Amino acid sequence: MFGKRKNLEEDHAAQSTKAYEKKYTDDSFWDKVLKFAKTAGYEVIEKALWLYYAAQQPNTPVWAKTAVYGALGYFISPIDAIPDITPVIGYVDDLAVLAAAVATVSAYITAEVKERAAEKLRGWFGS
């Protein structure tokens, strides 16, 4: 039962991020991350960086990169379910989409990917 529900959630996440895949660009991603890292919070930025660096790995297959770029496209899009300017809950929807993508491509989020993200996070959030 749990496995079936997880697959349904992953399918829904893949479908809902498909429209955002074309909106993704590296420049837009870094603009959003640099401007809103503190506002979005550690957890949101951590997941975004995991996905970004996983997509840069040569062994990450196209299907996984598609899921990543769809989620990151949603993250950088100025139009999403809950506006990012909404205090406290503005990034909840972004985190949900990013977390679903992380679950989908988790096999490609290696220790190296996590360490690269951790280095960036230390620079922005401190130790």
N, C-alpha and C. Protein backbone atom coordinates (compact mmCIF):
# COMPACT_ATOMS: atom_id res chain seq x y z
N MET A 1 0.82 -1.19 0.00
CA MET A 1 0.00 0.00 0.00
C MET A 1 0.87 1.25 0.00
N PHE A 2 1.86 1.30 0.90
CA PHE A 2 2.71 2.48 0.98
C PHE A 2 3.45 2.70 -0.34
N GLY A 3 3.98 1.64 -0.93
CA GLY A 3 4.70 1.75 -2.19
C GLY A 3 3.83 2.27 -3.31
N LYS A 4 2.57 1.82 -3.33
CA LYS A 4 1.63 2.28 -4.36
C LYS A 4 1.34 3.77 -4.18
N ARG A 5 1.15 4.20 -2.94
CA ARG A 5 0.89 5.62 -2.68
C ARG A 5 2.10 6.46 -3.06
N LYS A 6 3.29 5.98 -2.74
CA LYS A 6 4.50 6.71 -3.08
C LYS A 6 4.62 6.87 -4.60
N ASN A 7 4.33 5.80 -5.34
CA ASN A 7 4.38 5.87 -6.80
C ASN A 7 3.37 6.88 -7.34
N LEU A 8 2.16 6.91 -6.76
CA LEU A 8 1.16 7.87 -7.19
C LEU A 8 1.61 9.30 -6.91
N GLU A 9 2.22 9.53 -5.74
CA GLU A 9 2.72 10.85 -5.41
C GLU A 9 3.84 11.26 -6.35
N GLU A 10 4.73 10.33 -6.68
CA GLU A 10 5.82 10.63 -7.60
C GLU A 10 5.28 10.93 -8.99
N ASP A 11 4.27 10.16 -9.44
CA ASP A 11 3.66 10.41 -10.75
C ASP A 11 3.01 11.79 -10.79
N HIS A 12 2.30 12.14 -9.72
CA HIS A 12 1.66 13.46 -9.65
C HIS A 12 2.71 14.57 -9.69
N ALA A 13 3.78 14.39 -8.93
CA ALA A 13 4.84 15.41 -8.90
C ALA A 13 5.46 15.55 -10.29
N ALA A 14 5.69 14.43 -10.96
CA ALA A 14 6.28 14.48 -12.30
C ALA A 14 5.36 15.21 -13.27
N GLN A 15 4.06 14.95 -13.20
CA GLN A 15 3.11 15.60 -14.09
C GLN A 15 3.01 17.10 -13.79
N SER A 16 2.97 17.44 -12.52
CA SER A 16 2.79 18.85 -12.17
C SER A 16 4.04 19.68 -12.45
N THR A 17 5.21 19.07 -12.47
CA THR A 17 6.42 19.84 -12.76
C THR A 17 6.77 19.84 -14.24
N LYS A 18 6.14 18.99 -15.03
CA LYS A 18 6.44 18.91 -16.46
C LYS A 18 6.27 20.28 -17.14
N ALA A 19 5.24 21.00 -16.79
CA ALA A 19 4.98 22.31 -17.39
C ALA A 19 6.07 23.32 -17.05
N TYR A 20 6.76 23.12 -15.95
CA TYR A 20 7.77 24.08 -15.51
C TYR A 20 9.16 23.78 -16.04
N GLU A 21 9.35 22.60 -16.61
CA GLU A 21 10.67 22.20 -17.09
C GLU A 21 11.22 23.22 -18.10
N LYS A 22 10.38 23.73 -18.98
CA LYS A 22 10.82 24.66 -20.01
C LYS A 22 11.14 26.04 -19.45
N LYS A 23 10.68 26.33 -18.25
CA LYS A 23 10.94 27.63 -17.64
C LYS A 23 12.30 27.68 -16.95
N TYR A 24 12.93 26.52 -16.80
CA TYR A 24 14.19 26.45 -16.06
C TYR A 24 15.35 26.96 -16.89
N THR A 25 16.19 27.80 -16.26
CA THR A 25 17.50 28.16 -16.80
C THR A 25 18.47 28.25 -15.63
N ASP A 26 19.73 27.99 -15.88
CA ASP A 26 20.73 28.10 -14.81
C ASP A 26 20.76 29.51 -14.23
N ASP A 27 20.72 30.51 -15.10
CA ASP A 27 20.76 31.90 -14.61
C ASP A 27 19.59 32.21 -13.70
N SER A 28 18.38 31.81 -14.09
CA SER A 28 17.20 32.06 -13.25
C SER A 28 17.30 31.33 -11.92
N PHE A 29 17.83 30.11 -11.96
CA PHE A 29 17.99 29.34 -10.72
C PHE A 29 18.91 30.07 -9.75
N TRP A 30 20.10 30.46 -10.23
CA TRP A 30 21.05 31.12 -9.34
C TRP A 30 20.57 32.49 -8.90
N ASP A 31 19.86 33.21 -9.77
CA ASP A 31 19.28 34.50 -9.35
C ASP A 31 18.33 34.30 -8.18
N LYS A 32 17.44 33.32 -8.28
CA LYS A 32 16.47 33.06 -7.21
C LYS A 32 17.16 32.62 -5.93
N VAL A 33 18.08 31.69 -6.05
CA VAL A 33 18.77 31.17 -4.87
C VAL A 33 19.54 32.27 -4.16
N LEU A 34 20.27 33.06 -4.92
CA LEU A 34 21.08 34.11 -4.29
C LEU A 34 20.23 35.20 -3.66
N LYS A 35 19.11 35.55 -4.27
CA LYS A 35 18.26 36.60 -3.74
C LYS A 35 17.42 36.15 -2.55
N PHE A 36 17.01 34.88 -2.56
CA PHE A 36 16.03 34.44 -1.58
C PHE A 36 16.48 33.31 -0.66
N ALA A 37 17.79 33.05 -0.61
CA ALA A 37 18.28 31.95 0.22
C ALA A 37 17.83 32.07 1.67
N LYS A 38 18.04 33.23 2.25
CA LYS A 38 17.68 33.41 3.67
C LYS A 38 16.16 33.36 3.87
N THR A 39 15.42 33.95 2.94
CA THR A 39 13.96 33.98 3.05
C THR A 39 13.37 32.58 2.87
N ALA A 40 13.87 31.86 1.88
CA ALA A 40 13.35 30.52 1.59
C ALA A 40 13.72 29.54 2.70
N GLY A 41 14.89 29.73 3.27
CA GLY A 41 15.32 28.87 4.37
C GLY A 41 16.25 27.76 3.93
N TYR A 42 16.94 27.25 4.90
CA TYR A 42 17.97 26.24 4.69
C TYR A 42 17.43 25.01 3.97
N GLU A 43 16.32 24.47 4.45
CA GLU A 43 15.81 23.21 3.90
C GLU A 43 15.41 23.33 2.43
N VAL A 44 14.76 24.40 2.08
CA VAL A 44 14.35 24.61 0.69
C VAL A 44 15.58 24.73 -0.21
N ILE A 45 16.53 25.55 0.20
CA ILE A 45 17.73 25.76 -0.61
C ILE A 45 18.57 24.50 -0.68
N GLU A 46 18.63 23.76 0.42
CA GLU A 46 19.37 22.49 0.42
C GLU A 46 18.82 21.54 -0.64
N LYS A 47 17.50 21.36 -0.66
CA LYS A 47 16.89 20.46 -1.65
C LYS A 47 17.12 20.97 -3.08
N ALA A 48 17.01 22.28 -3.27
CA ALA A 48 17.23 22.85 -4.60
C ALA A 48 18.66 22.60 -5.06
N LEU A 49 19.62 22.78 -4.16
CA LEU A 49 21.02 22.53 -4.52
C LEU A 49 21.29 21.06 -4.77
N TRP A 50 20.72 20.18 -3.96
CA TRP A 50 20.88 18.74 -4.22
C TRP A 50 20.43 18.42 -5.64
N LEU A 51 19.27 18.93 -6.00
CA LEU A 51 18.73 18.64 -7.33
C LEU A 51 19.61 19.26 -8.41
N TYR A 52 20.01 20.50 -8.22
CA TYR A 52 20.85 21.17 -9.20
C TYR A 52 22.14 20.38 -9.45
N TYR A 53 22.84 20.04 -8.37
CA TYR A 53 24.11 19.34 -8.53
C TYR A 53 23.92 17.90 -9.03
N ALA A 54 22.83 17.26 -8.68
CA ALA A 54 22.55 15.91 -9.21
C ALA A 54 22.37 15.97 -10.72
N ALA A 55 21.71 17.01 -11.20
CA ALA A 55 21.49 17.15 -12.65
C ALA A 55 22.79 17.41 -13.39
N GLN A 56 23.79 17.94 -12.71
CA GLN A 56 25.08 18.23 -13.35
C GLN A 56 25.95 16.98 -13.50
N GLN A 57 25.59 15.91 -12.79
CA GLN A 57 26.39 14.69 -12.84
C GLN A 57 26.21 13.99 -14.19
N PRO A 58 27.29 13.55 -14.81
CA PRO A 58 27.18 12.91 -16.13
C PRO A 58 26.40 11.59 -16.11
N ASN A 59 26.36 10.93 -14.97
CA ASN A 59 25.65 9.63 -14.92
C ASN A 59 24.16 9.77 -14.61
N THR A 60 23.67 10.98 -14.41
CA THR A 60 22.25 11.18 -14.16
C THR A 60 21.50 11.06 -15.48
N PRO A 61 20.55 10.12 -15.57
CA PRO A 61 19.84 9.91 -16.84
C PRO A 61 18.89 11.06 -17.20
N VAL A 62 18.52 11.11 -18.45
CA VAL A 62 17.66 12.18 -18.96
C VAL A 62 16.34 12.24 -18.20
N TRP A 63 15.73 11.10 -17.90
CA TRP A 63 14.44 11.11 -17.20
C TRP A 63 14.58 11.80 -15.84
N ALA A 64 15.72 11.57 -15.14
CA ALA A 64 15.93 12.17 -13.83
C ALA A 64 16.19 13.67 -13.98
N LYS A 65 16.95 14.05 -14.99
CA LYS A 65 17.20 15.48 -15.24
C LYS A 65 15.90 16.20 -15.57
N THR A 66 15.01 15.53 -16.28
CA THR A 66 13.70 16.11 -16.60
C THR A 66 12.92 16.39 -15.33
N ALA A 67 12.92 15.43 -14.40
CA ALA A 67 12.23 15.63 -13.12
C ALA A 67 12.87 16.77 -12.34
N VAL A 68 14.20 16.83 -12.34
CA VAL A 68 14.91 17.89 -11.62
C VAL A 68 14.59 19.25 -12.21
N TYR A 69 14.69 19.38 -13.52
CA TYR A 69 14.48 20.68 -14.14
C TYR A 69 13.02 21.12 -14.03
N GLY A 70 12.11 20.18 -14.00
CA GLY A 70 10.71 20.53 -13.77
C GLY A 70 10.51 21.11 -12.38
N ALA A 71 11.11 20.47 -11.37
CA ALA A 71 10.99 20.95 -9.99
C ALA A 71 11.69 22.29 -9.82
N LEU A 72 12.88 22.43 -10.40
CA LEU A 72 13.60 23.69 -10.28
C LEU A 72 12.91 24.80 -11.07
N GLY A 73 12.29 24.43 -12.18
CA GLY A 73 11.50 25.40 -12.93
C GLY A 73 10.34 25.93 -12.11
N TYR A 74 9.68 25.04 -11.37
CA TYR A 74 8.61 25.46 -10.46
C TYR A 74 9.17 26.39 -9.38
N PHE A 75 10.30 26.02 -8.84
CA PHE A 75 10.93 26.80 -7.77
C PHE A 75 11.24 28.23 -8.23
N ILE A 76 11.75 28.38 -9.43
CA ILE A 76 12.13 29.72 -9.89
C ILE A 76 10.99 30.50 -10.52
N SER A 77 9.88 29.81 -10.80
CA SER A 77 8.75 30.48 -11.44
C SER A 77 8.14 31.53 -10.52
N PRO A 78 7.85 32.71 -11.07
CA PRO A 78 7.22 33.75 -10.23
C PRO A 78 5.76 33.43 -9.92
N ILE A 79 5.18 32.49 -10.64
CA ILE A 79 3.78 32.11 -10.42
C ILE A 79 3.77 30.69 -9.86
N ASP A 80 3.36 30.54 -8.61
CA ASP A 80 3.21 29.20 -8.04
C ASP A 80 2.01 29.18 -7.12
N ALA A 81 1.76 28.04 -6.51
CA ALA A 81 0.53 27.85 -5.73
C ALA A 81 0.41 28.83 -4.57
N ILE A 82 1.49 29.03 -3.85
CA ILE A 82 1.49 29.96 -2.73
C ILE A 82 2.58 31.00 -3.02
N PRO A 83 2.22 32.26 -3.16
CA PRO A 83 3.23 33.26 -3.49
C PRO A 83 4.37 33.27 -2.47
N ASP A 84 5.60 33.34 -2.98
CA ASP A 84 6.78 33.28 -2.12
C ASP A 84 6.89 34.48 -1.19
N ILE A 85 6.15 35.54 -1.45
CA ILE A 85 6.18 36.71 -0.56
C ILE A 85 5.28 36.54 0.66
N THR A 86 4.48 35.46 0.67
CA THR A 86 3.60 35.20 1.81
C THR A 86 4.45 34.78 3.01
N PRO A 87 4.39 35.53 4.10
CA PRO A 87 5.23 35.20 5.26
C PRO A 87 4.96 33.78 5.76
N VAL A 88 6.00 33.15 6.21
CA VAL A 88 6.02 31.83 6.83
C VAL A 88 5.71 30.69 5.86
N ILE A 89 4.59 30.74 5.15
CA ILE A 89 4.21 29.60 4.32
C ILE A 89 4.51 29.77 2.83
N GLY A 90 5.15 30.86 2.47
CA GLY A 90 5.39 31.16 1.07
C GLY A 90 6.19 30.12 0.30
N TYR A 91 7.04 29.39 0.98
CA TYR A 91 7.88 28.40 0.30
C TYR A 91 7.47 26.96 0.59
N VAL A 92 6.34 26.76 1.25
CA VAL A 92 5.88 25.40 1.57
C VAL A 92 5.62 24.60 0.30
N ASP A 93 4.97 25.21 -0.68
CA ASP A 93 4.70 24.51 -1.93
C ASP A 93 5.99 24.20 -2.68
N ASP A 94 6.94 25.14 -2.66
CA ASP A 94 8.23 24.90 -3.31
C ASP A 94 8.93 23.70 -2.65
N LEU A 95 8.91 23.68 -1.32
CA LEU A 95 9.55 22.58 -0.60
C LEU A 95 8.88 21.25 -0.95
N ALA A 96 7.57 21.23 -1.05
CA ALA A 96 6.86 19.99 -1.39
C ALA A 96 7.27 19.48 -2.78
N VAL A 97 7.34 20.39 -3.74
CA VAL A 97 7.73 20.00 -5.10
C VAL A 97 9.19 19.53 -5.12
N LEU A 98 10.06 20.26 -4.45
CA LEU A 98 11.47 19.88 -4.40
C LEU A 98 11.65 18.54 -3.69
N ALA A 99 10.93 18.33 -2.59
CA ALA A 99 11.04 17.06 -1.86
C ALA A 99 10.55 15.89 -2.70
N ALA A 100 9.48 16.09 -3.46
CA ALA A 100 8.99 15.02 -4.34
C ALA A 100 10.03 14.68 -5.41
N ALA A 101 10.67 15.71 -5.95
CA ALA A 101 11.72 15.47 -6.94
C ALA A 101 12.92 14.77 -6.31
N VAL A 102 13.28 15.16 -5.11
CA VAL A 102 14.38 14.50 -4.40
C VAL A 102 14.06 13.02 -4.22
N ALA A 103 12.84 12.71 -3.82
CA ALA A 103 12.45 11.30 -3.65
C ALA A 103 12.52 10.55 -4.97
N THR A 104 12.15 11.21 -6.05
CA THR A 104 12.14 10.57 -7.37
C THR A 104 13.54 10.27 -7.87
N VAL A 105 14.48 11.17 -7.63
CA VAL A 105 15.84 11.01 -8.19
C VAL A 105 16.88 10.73 -7.11
N SER A 106 16.46 10.26 -5.97
CA SER A 106 17.35 10.09 -4.82
C SER A 106 18.58 9.24 -5.12
N ALA A 107 18.49 8.31 -6.04
CA ALA A 107 19.63 7.47 -6.37
C ALA A 107 20.77 8.27 -6.98
N TYR A 108 20.48 9.46 -7.49
CA TYR A 108 21.48 10.29 -8.15
C TYR A 108 21.96 11.44 -7.27
N ILE A 109 21.43 11.50 -6.05
CA ILE A 109 21.88 12.50 -5.08
C ILE A 109 22.92 11.81 -4.21
N THR A 110 24.15 11.86 -4.70
CA THR A 110 25.26 11.14 -4.09
C THR A 110 25.88 11.94 -2.94
N ALA A 111 26.81 11.31 -2.26
CA ALA A 111 27.54 12.00 -1.19
C ALA A 111 28.28 13.21 -1.76
N GLU A 112 28.82 13.10 -2.97
CA GLU A 112 29.51 14.22 -3.61
C GLU A 112 28.55 15.39 -3.86
N VAL A 113 27.35 15.08 -4.33
CA VAL A 113 26.33 16.09 -4.58
C VAL A 113 25.97 16.79 -3.26
N LYS A 114 25.77 16.02 -2.22
CA LYS A 114 25.40 16.59 -0.92
C LYS A 114 26.53 17.46 -0.36
N GLU A 115 27.77 17.06 -0.58
CA GLU A 115 28.90 17.84 -0.08
C GLU A 115 29.03 19.16 -0.84
N ARG A 116 28.83 19.15 -2.14
CA ARG A 116 28.87 20.40 -2.92
C ARG A 116 27.79 21.36 -2.41
N ALA A 117 26.60 20.82 -2.16
CA ALA A 117 25.51 21.65 -1.64
C ALA A 117 25.86 22.17 -0.25
N ALA A 118 26.42 21.31 0.59
CA ALA A 118 26.78 21.71 1.95
C ALA A 118 27.80 22.84 1.95
N GLU A 119 28.74 22.81 1.01
CA GLU A 119 29.73 23.90 0.91
C GLU A 119 29.05 25.23 0.62
N LYS A 120 28.13 25.24 -0.31
CA LYS A 120 27.38 26.47 -0.64
C LYS A 120 26.56 26.92 0.56
N LEU A 121 25.90 25.98 1.21
CA LEU A 121 25.04 26.31 2.34
C LEU A 121 25.85 26.90 3.50
N ARG A 122 27.04 26.37 3.73
CA ARG A 122 27.89 26.93 4.79
C ARG A 122 28.25 28.38 4.48
N GLY A 123 28.47 28.67 3.22
CA GLY A 123 28.79 30.03 2.82
C GLY A 123 27.63 30.99 3.05
N TRP A 124 26.41 30.52 2.84
CA TRP A 124 25.24 31.38 2.96
C TRP A 124 24.64 31.41 4.36
N PHE A 125 24.66 30.24 5.04
CA PHE A 125 23.98 30.14 6.33
C PHE A 125 24.96 29.98 7.49
N GLY A 126 26.25 29.84 7.21
CA GLY A 126 27.23 29.59 8.26
C GLY A 126 27.30 28.12 8.60
N SER A 127 28.06 27.80 9.63
CA SER A 127 28.24 26.39 10.01
C SER A 127 26.96 25.89 10.54
